[in-house]
C-alpha atoms as a PDB file:
ATOM      1  CA  MET A   1       1.179-108.360 -40.414  1.00  0.00           C
ATOM      2  CA  SER A   2       1.050-104.576 -40.395  1.00  0.00           C
ATOM      3  CA  ILE A   3      -1.372-101.915 -39.145  1.00  0.00           C
ATOM      4  CA  GLU A   4       0.267 -99.228 -41.235  1.00  0.00           C
ATOM      5  CA  THR A   5      -1.747 -97.598 -44.008  1.00  0.00           C
ATOM      6  CA  ALA A   6      -0.866 -98.626 -47.551  1.00  0.00           C
ATOM      7  CA  PRO A   7      -1.879 -96.874 -50.775  1.00  0.00           C
ATOM      8  CA  GLY A   8      -5.451 -97.810 -51.624  1.00  0.00           C
ATOM      9  CA  CYS A   9      -5.969 -99.417 -48.220  1.00  0.00           C
ATOM     10  CA  PRO A  10      -8.008 -97.958 -45.332  1.00  0.00           C
ATOM     11  CA  SER A  11      -6.252 -97.085 -42.092  1.00  0.00           C
ATOM     12  CA  MET A  12      -5.792-100.180 -39.967  1.00  0.00           C
ATOM     13  CA  ALA A  13      -5.240 -98.200 -36.754  1.00  0.00           C
ATOM     14  CA  VAL A  14      -7.989 -98.405 -34.125  1.00  0.00           C
ATOM     15  CA  GLY A  15      -9.406 -94.973 -33.269  1.00  0.00           C
ATOM     16  CA  ARG A  16     -11.495 -95.760 -30.173  1.00  0.00           C
ATOM     17  CA  LYS A  17      -9.796 -97.617 -27.313  1.00  0.00           C
ATOM     18  CA  PRO A  18      -6.525 -98.076 -29.207  1.00  0.00           C
ATOM     19  CA  ASP A  19      -5.100 -99.929 -26.193  1.00  0.00           C
ATOM     20  CA  ARG A  20      -7.175-102.915 -27.262  1.00  0.00           C
ATOM     21  CA  GLN A  21      -5.368-103.191 -30.582  1.00  0.00           C
ATOM     22  CA  THR A  22      -2.454-105.609 -30.891  1.00  0.00           C
ATOM     23  CA  ASP A  23       0.050-106.487 -33.577  1.00  0.00           C
ATOM     24  CA  ASP A  24       0.978-109.780 -31.900  1.00  0.00           C
ATOM     25  CA  PRO A  25       0.884-112.442 -34.674  1.00  0.00           C
ATOM     26  CA  ALA A  26       0.002-115.128 -32.125  1.00  0.00           C
ATOM     27  CA  VAL A  27      -3.257-113.352 -31.281  1.00  0.00           C
ATOM     28  CA  LEU A  28      -4.176-113.157 -34.962  1.00  0.00           C
ATOM     29  CA  ASP A  29      -3.312-116.836 -35.419  1.00  0.00           C
ATOM     30  CA  GLY A  30      -5.635-117.767 -32.557  1.00  0.00           C
ATOM     31  CA  ILE A  31      -8.524-115.727 -33.970  1.00  0.00           C
ATOM     32  CA  LEU A  32      -8.111-117.313 -37.400  1.00  0.00           C
ATOM     33  CA  ALA A  33      -7.673-120.833 -36.009  1.00  0.00           C
ATOM     34  CA  ASP A  34     -10.805-120.637 -33.854  1.00  0.00           C
ATOM     35  CA  GLY A  35     -13.065-119.375 -36.642  1.00  0.00           C
ATOM     36  CA  PHE A  36     -15.044-121.052 -39.396  1.00  0.00           C
ATOM     37  CA  LEU A  37     -16.918-118.164 -40.999  1.00  0.00           C
ATOM     38  CA  ALA A  38     -15.571-114.925 -42.444  1.00  0.00           C
ATOM     39  CA  HIS A  39     -17.735-111.945 -43.353  1.00  0.00           C
ATOM     40  CA  VAL A  40     -16.462-110.363 -46.547  1.00  0.00           C
ATOM     41  CA  ALA A  41     -17.311-106.754 -47.417  1.00  0.00           C
ATOM     42  CA  MET A  42     -17.158-105.583 -51.030  1.00  0.00           C
ATOM     43  CA  LEU A  43     -18.761-103.116 -53.408  1.00  0.00           C
ATOM     44  CA  ARG A  44     -21.383-104.511 -55.775  1.00  0.00           C
ATOM     45  CA  ASP A  45     -22.759-102.046 -58.343  1.00  0.00           C
ATOM     46  CA  GLY A  46     -21.541 -99.205 -56.137  1.00  0.00           C
ATOM     47  CA  TYR A  47     -23.358-100.529 -53.040  1.00  0.00           C
ATOM     48  CA  PRO A  48     -21.634-102.056 -49.999  1.00  0.00           C
ATOM     49  CA  VAL A  49     -22.403-105.755 -49.500  1.00  0.00           C
ATOM     50  CA  VAL A  50     -21.299-108.155 -46.741  1.00  0.00           C
ATOM     51  CA  LEU A  51     -21.470-111.918 -47.343  1.00  0.00           C
ATOM     52  CA  PRO A  52     -20.413-114.912 -45.203  1.00  0.00           C
ATOM     53  CA  TYR A  53     -17.792-117.348 -46.530  1.00  0.00           C
ATOM     54  CA  LEU A  54     -16.220-120.507 -45.191  1.00  0.00           C
ATOM     55  CA  TYR A  55     -12.480-120.007 -45.009  1.00  0.00           C
ATOM     56  CA  GLY A  56      -9.144-121.547 -44.266  1.00  0.00           C
ATOM     57  CA  VAL A  57      -5.605-120.307 -43.720  1.00  0.00           C
ATOM     58  CA  GLY A  58      -2.723-121.867 -45.564  1.00  0.00           C
ATOM     59  CA  ASP A  59       0.549-121.668 -47.448  1.00  0.00           C
ATOM     60  CA  LEU A  60       0.280-122.982 -51.005  1.00  0.00           C
ATOM     61  CA  GLY A  61       4.031-123.320 -51.449  1.00  0.00           C
ATOM     62  CA  ASP A  62       4.297-120.606 -54.096  1.00  0.00           C
ATOM     63  CA  GLY A  63       6.512-118.275 -52.076  1.00  0.00           C
ATOM     64  CA  LEU A  64       3.689-115.908 -51.052  1.00  0.00           C
ATOM     65  CA  GLY A  65       3.392-117.277 -47.515  1.00  0.00           C
ATOM     66  CA  ARG A  66       0.282-117.835 -45.432  1.00  0.00           C
ATOM     67  CA  ARG A  67      -2.926-116.231 -46.600  1.00  0.00           C
ATOM     68  CA  LEU A  68      -6.657-116.273 -46.064  1.00  0.00           C
ATOM     69  CA  LEU A  69      -8.442-118.698 -48.419  1.00  0.00           C
ATOM     70  CA  LEU A  70     -12.122-118.082 -49.227  1.00  0.00           C
ATOM     71  CA  HIS A  71     -14.243-120.944 -50.544  1.00  0.00           C
ATOM     72  CA  GLY A  72     -16.999-120.542 -53.119  1.00  0.00           C
ATOM     73  CA  SER A  73     -18.461-121.438 -56.502  1.00  0.00           C
ATOM     74  CA  THR A  74     -16.985-120.450 -59.851  1.00  0.00           C
ATOM     75  CA  GLY A  75     -20.376-118.858 -60.587  1.00  0.00           C
ATOM     76  CA  ALA A  76     -20.613-116.777 -57.393  1.00  0.00           C
ATOM     77  CA  GLY A  77     -20.560-112.997 -57.727  1.00  0.00           C
ATOM     78  CA  LEU A  78     -17.384-112.181 -55.818  1.00  0.00           C
ATOM     79  CA  PHE A  79     -15.468-114.923 -57.601  1.00  0.00           C
ATOM     80  CA  LEU A  80     -16.601-113.543 -60.960  1.00  0.00           C
ATOM     81  CA  ASP A  81     -15.821-109.963 -59.895  1.00  0.00           C
ATOM     82  CA  ALA A  82     -12.267-110.896 -58.969  1.00  0.00           C
ATOM     83  CA  GLY A  83     -11.296-111.482 -62.592  1.00  0.00           C
ATOM     84  CA  PRO A  84      -7.595-111.559 -63.432  1.00  0.00           C
ATOM     85  CA  ASP A  85      -6.717-108.482 -61.308  1.00  0.00           C
ATOM     86  CA  GLY A  86      -8.585-109.269 -58.117  1.00  0.00           C
ATOM     87  CA  VAL A  87     -11.077-107.168 -56.177  1.00  0.00           C
ATOM     88  CA  PRO A  88     -10.637-105.044 -53.019  1.00  0.00           C
ATOM     89  CA  VAL A  89     -12.277-106.546 -49.935  1.00  0.00           C
ATOM     90  CA  SER A  90     -12.358-106.247 -46.175  1.00  0.00           C
ATOM     91  CA  VAL A  91     -12.743-109.505 -44.264  1.00  0.00           C
ATOM     92  CA  GLY A  92     -13.997-109.648 -40.687  1.00  0.00           C
ATOM     93  CA  ILE A  93     -13.604-112.599 -38.296  1.00  0.00           C
ATOM     94  CA  SER A  94     -14.935-112.156 -34.759  1.00  0.00           C
ATOM     95  CA  HIS A  95     -15.460-114.199 -31.599  1.00  0.00           C
ATOM     96  CA  LEU A  96     -17.806-113.092 -28.818  1.00  0.00           C
ATOM     97  CA  ASP A  97     -16.233-114.586 -25.687  1.00  0.00           C
ATOM     98  CA  GLY A  98     -18.484-113.116 -23.010  1.00  0.00           C
ATOM     99  CA  LEU A  99     -20.987-110.462 -21.959  1.00  0.00           C
ATOM    100  CA  VAL A 100     -19.689-108.120 -19.262  1.00  0.00           C
ATOM    101  CA  TYR A 101     -22.464-107.081 -16.860  1.00  0.00           C
ATOM    102  CA  ALA A 102     -21.637-103.838 -15.085  1.00  0.00           C
ATOM    103  CA  ARG A 103     -23.900-101.992 -12.641  1.00  0.00           C
ATOM    104  CA  SER A 104     -25.154 -99.757 -15.418  1.00  0.00           C
ATOM    105  CA  LEU A 105     -25.854-100.460 -19.072  1.00  0.00           C
ATOM    106  CA  ASN A 106     -23.493 -97.652 -20.014  1.00  0.00           C
ATOM    107  CA  ASP A 107     -20.545 -99.423 -18.356  1.00  0.00           C
ATOM    108  CA  SER A 108     -21.479-102.904 -19.564  1.00  0.00           C
ATOM    109  CA  SER A 109     -19.390-104.368 -22.337  1.00  0.00           C
ATOM    110  CA  ALA A 110     -18.315-107.597 -24.017  1.00  0.00           C
ATOM    111  CA  ASN A 111     -15.195-109.709 -24.235  1.00  0.00           C
ATOM    112  CA  TYR A 112     -14.257-110.388 -27.822  1.00  0.00           C
ATOM    113  CA  ARG A 113     -11.489-111.088 -30.315  1.00  0.00           C
ATOM    114  CA  SER A 114     -11.733-109.609 -33.785  1.00  0.00           C
ATOM    115  CA  ALA A 115      -9.606-109.310 -36.883  1.00  0.00           C
ATOM    116  CA  MET A 116     -10.130-107.286 -40.026  1.00  0.00           C
ATOM    117  CA  VAL A 117      -8.095-108.185 -43.096  1.00  0.00           C
ATOM    118  CA  ALA A 118      -7.969-105.605 -45.892  1.00  0.00           C
ATOM    119  CA  GLY A 119      -6.535-106.313 -49.294  1.00  0.00           C
ATOM    120  CA  ARG A 120      -7.119-107.574 -52.786  1.00  0.00           C
ATOM    121  CA  ALA A 121      -8.833-110.914 -53.209  1.00  0.00           C
ATOM    122  CA  THR A 122      -7.364-112.750 -56.173  1.00  0.00           C
ATOM    123  CA  VAL A 123      -8.188-116.106 -57.702  1.00  0.00           C
ATOM    124  CA  VAL A 124      -5.949-118.984 -56.644  1.00  0.00           C
ATOM    125  CA  PRO A 125      -4.212-120.303 -59.798  1.00  0.00           C
ATOM    126  CA  ARG A 126      -5.802-123.431 -61.224  1.00  0.00           C
ATOM    127  CA  ASP A 127      -2.742-125.590 -60.545  1.00  0.00           C
ATOM    128  CA  LEU A 128      -2.939-124.698 -56.826  1.00  0.00           C
ATOM    129  CA  ARG A 129      -6.709-124.931 -56.459  1.00  0.00           C
ATOM    130  CA  VAL A 130      -6.816-128.538 -55.273  1.00  0.00           C
ATOM    131  CA  GLU A 131      -4.245-127.860 -52.553  1.00  0.00           C
ATOM    132  CA  ALA A 132      -6.138-124.708 -51.521  1.00  0.00           C
ATOM    133  CA  LEU A 133      -9.370-126.691 -51.220  1.00  0.00           C
ATOM    134  CA  TRP A 134      -7.660-129.352 -49.114  1.00  0.00           C
ATOM    135  CA  GLN A 135      -6.227-126.668 -46.842  1.00  0.00           C
ATOM    136  CA  ILE A 136      -9.671-125.121 -46.342  1.00  0.00           C
ATOM    137  CA  GLY A 137     -10.938-128.597 -45.511  1.00  0.00           C
ATOM    138  CA  ASP A 138      -8.085-129.107 -43.043  1.00  0.00           C
ATOM    139  CA  HIS A 139      -9.035-125.843 -41.339  1.00  0.00           C
ATOM    140  CA  LEU A 140     -12.757-126.589 -41.095  1.00  0.00           C
ATOM    141  CA  MET A 141     -12.584-130.360 -40.517  1.00  0.00           C
ATOM    142  CA  PRO A 142      -9.109-131.333 -39.249  1.00  0.00           C
ATOM    143  CA  GLY A 143      -8.183-134.899 -40.136  1.00  0.00           C
ATOM    144  CA  ARG A 144     -11.035-135.395 -42.600  1.00  0.00           C
ATOM    145  CA  ARG A 145      -8.682-135.538 -45.593  1.00  0.00           C
ATOM    146  CA  ALA A 146      -7.503-139.012 -44.581  1.00  0.00           C
ATOM    147  CA  GLU A 147     -11.081-140.321 -44.357  1.00  0.00           C
ATOM    148  CA  VAL A 148     -12.559-139.309 -47.712  1.00  0.00           C
ATOM    149  CA  ARG A 149     -11.880-139.859 -51.417  1.00  0.00           C
ATOM    150  CA  GLU A 150      -9.997-137.469 -53.667  1.00  0.00           C
ATOM    151  CA  MET A 151     -11.931-134.648 -55.331  1.00  0.00           C
ATOM    152  CA  THR A 152     -13.035-135.289 -58.904  1.00  0.00           C
ATOM    153  CA  ALA A 153     -11.998-133.035 -61.780  1.00  0.00           C
ATOM    154  CA  LYS A 154     -15.633-131.939 -62.130  1.00  0.00           C
ATOM    155  CA  GLU A 155     -15.840-130.940 -58.465  1.00  0.00           C
ATOM    156  CA  VAL A 156     -12.624-128.947 -58.685  1.00  0.00           C
ATOM    157  CA  ALA A 157     -13.784-127.199 -61.863  1.00  0.00           C
ATOM    158  CA  ALA A 158     -17.028-126.096 -60.186  1.00  0.00           C
ATOM    159  CA  THR A 159     -15.314-124.728 -57.081  1.00  0.00           C
ATOM    160  CA  GLN A 160     -13.200-121.626 -56.712  1.00  0.00           C
ATOM    161  CA  VAL A 161     -10.880-120.212 -54.067  1.00  0.00           C
ATOM    162  CA  LEU A 162      -9.914-116.598 -53.507  1.00  0.00           C
ATOM    163  CA  GLN A 163      -6.786-115.633 -51.601  1.00  0.00           C
ATOM    164  CA  VAL A 164      -6.270-112.527 -49.477  1.00  0.00           C
ATOM    165  CA  PRO A 165      -2.803-111.623 -48.115  1.00  0.00           C
ATOM    166  CA  LEU A 166      -2.415-111.373 -44.347  1.00  0.00           C
ATOM    167  CA  ASP A 167      -0.119-108.353 -44.452  1.00  0.00           C
ATOM    168  CA  ARG A 168      -2.786-105.690 -43.703  1.00  0.00           C
ATOM    169  CA  VAL A 169      -4.627-106.720 -40.566  1.00  0.00           C
ATOM    170  CA  SER A 170      -6.239-104.932 -37.643  1.00  0.00           C
ATOM    171  CA  VAL A 171      -6.711-107.007 -34.469  1.00  0.00           C
ATOM    172  CA  LYS A 172      -8.707-105.778 -31.483  1.00  0.00           C
ATOM    173  CA  THR A 173      -9.576-107.646 -28.299  1.00  0.00           C
ATOM    174  CA  ARG A 174     -11.137-107.175 -24.886  1.00  0.00           C
ATOM    175  CA  THR A 175     -10.648-109.581 -22.001  1.00  0.00           C
ATOM    176  CA  GLY A 176     -11.189-109.475 -18.259  1.00  0.00           C
ATOM    177  CA  GLY A 177     -13.978-108.469 -15.966  1.00  0.00           C
ATOM    178  CA  VAL A 178     -15.963-105.425 -14.965  1.00  0.00           C
ATOM    179  CA  GLY A 179     -14.176-102.110 -14.560  1.00  0.00           C
ATOM    180  CA  GLU A 180     -15.047-101.316 -10.955  1.00  0.00           C
ATOM    181  CA  ASP A 181     -13.696 -99.733  -7.798  1.00  0.00           C
ATOM    182  CA  PRO A 182     -14.804 -99.917  -4.146  1.00  0.00           C
ATOM    183  CA  ASP A 183     -15.277 -96.133  -4.174  1.00  0.00           C
ATOM    184  CA  ASP A 184     -16.952 -95.795  -7.587  1.00  0.00           C
ATOM    185  CA  GLY A 185     -20.283 -94.724  -6.076  1.00  0.00           C
ATOM    186  CA  GLU A 186     -22.200 -97.638  -7.614  1.00  0.00           C
ATOM    187  CA  ASP A 187     -24.637 -99.851  -5.710  1.00  0.00           C
ATOM    188  CA  HIS A 188     -22.525-102.954  -5.069  1.00  0.00           C
ATOM    189  CA  GLY A 189     -25.664-104.853  -4.125  1.00  0.00           C
ATOM    190  CA  VAL A 190     -26.336-105.080  -7.872  1.00  0.00           C
ATOM    191  CA  TRP A 191     -24.680-108.165  -9.361  1.00  0.00           C
ATOM    192  CA  ALA A 192     -21.801-107.529 -11.765  1.00  0.00           C
ATOM    193  CA  GLY A 193     -19.621-109.994 -13.602  1.00  0.00           C
ATOM    194  CA  VAL A 194     -19.053-111.872 -16.839  1.00  0.00           C
ATOM    195  CA  LEU A 195     -21.231-114.409 -18.632  1.00  0.00           C
ATOM    196  CA  PRO A 196     -18.756-116.478 -20.709  1.00  0.00           C
ATOM    197  CA  LEU A 197     -19.890-117.469 -24.205  1.00  0.00           C
ATOM    198  CA  SER A 198     -18.508-120.077 -26.565  1.00  0.00           C
ATOM    199  CA  VAL A 199     -19.300-122.234 -29.585  1.00  0.00           C
ATOM    200  CA  ALA A 200     -20.302-125.734 -28.489  1.00  0.00           C
ATOM    201  CA  ALA A 201     -20.617-128.922 -30.550  1.00  0.00           C
ATOM    202  CA  GLY A 202     -23.680-131.110 -30.171  1.00  0.00           C
ATOM    203  CA  VAL A 203     -23.986-134.871 -30.515  1.00  0.00           C
ATOM    204  CA  PRO A 204     -22.949-136.003 -34.037  1.00  0.00           C
ATOM    205  CA  GLU A 205     -26.016-136.808 -36.182  1.00  0.00           C
ATOM    206  CA  PRO A 206     -25.334-139.557 -38.749  1.00  0.00           C
ATOM    207  CA  SER A 207     -27.022-139.594 -42.130  1.00  0.00           C
ATOM    208  CA  PRO A 208     -29.602-142.385 -42.650  1.00  0.00           C
ATOM    209  CA  LEU A 209     -27.112-144.292 -44.798  1.00  0.00           C
ATOM    210  CA  SER A 210     -24.448-144.042 -42.068  1.00  0.00           C
ATOM    211  CA  ALA A 211     -26.514-145.749 -39.394  1.00  0.00           C
ATOM    212  CA  GLY A 212     -24.272-148.177 -37.537  1.00  0.00           C
ATOM    213  CA  THR A 213     -21.070-146.678 -38.931  1.00  0.00           C
ATOM    214  CA  PRO A 214     -18.712-145.484 -36.148  1.00  0.00           C
ATOM    215  CA  VAL A 215     -18.162-141.757 -35.795  1.00  0.00           C
ATOM    216  CA  PRO A 216     -14.790-141.051 -37.469  1.00  0.00           C
ATOM    217  CA  PRO A 217     -11.787-139.610 -35.603  1.00  0.00           C
ATOM    218  CA  SER A 218     -12.064-136.251 -37.385  1.00  0.00           C
ATOM    219  CA  VAL A 219     -15.530-135.686 -35.890  1.00  0.00           C
ATOM    220  CA  SER A 220     -14.896-137.149 -32.430  1.00  0.00           C
ATOM    221  CA  ALA A 221     -11.702-135.082 -32.070  1.00  0.00           C
ATOM    222  CA  LEU A 222     -13.219-131.777 -33.158  1.00  0.00           C
ATOM    223  CA  ALA A 223     -16.290-131.895 -30.926  1.00  0.00           C
ATOM    224  CA  PRO A 224     -14.440-131.652 -27.564  1.00  0.00           C
ATOM    225  CA  ARG A 225     -12.148-128.935 -28.956  1.00  0.00           C
ATOM    226  CA  LEU A 226     -15.211-126.746 -29.367  1.00  0.00           C
END
């Protein structure tokens, strides 16, 4: 990935608190792996619009390497806008890991991991669409592929996947506790610290027609990971 500016691409360099920006691919991989929802910004009739999309990350074996895969309907606006040449987008994926309580609201903060991917979203070629859909499924529901039937031709025809290269990415994170010092002049009788936050899975809820059917490995394995 790169944070350098490319023609037609906004600057990927962080202006405020640049020390929180990283170009470590492992950090980006973790942000992408831990997410399910991407917020995609685009222009629609000259007006900025941000929409949520389920996503995956995968390599379709066509020599273009790993990329972000966005799932949607063939009739959805962005997928129609992409056309044969693609459409410029910015994709945001963020995790709020904790609220940082300082002794003043001004010094309070949050722990987070965020990635912005900028590039051109293009339609995945029809002959790679099935594999792209499976890879999105593998990202969202690991192991589910082995438990369900193959997709029908009708289902594949009604579904579309856009791909966005991962070569223009800006990653910014904050970790740790409160910025404090014994001699900072603050009232240390006021509690300060971090309230960790995370996504948590609940108890699996079977459909009425699945009553009595054991919870499959794909579900029972994902729940504790969250």
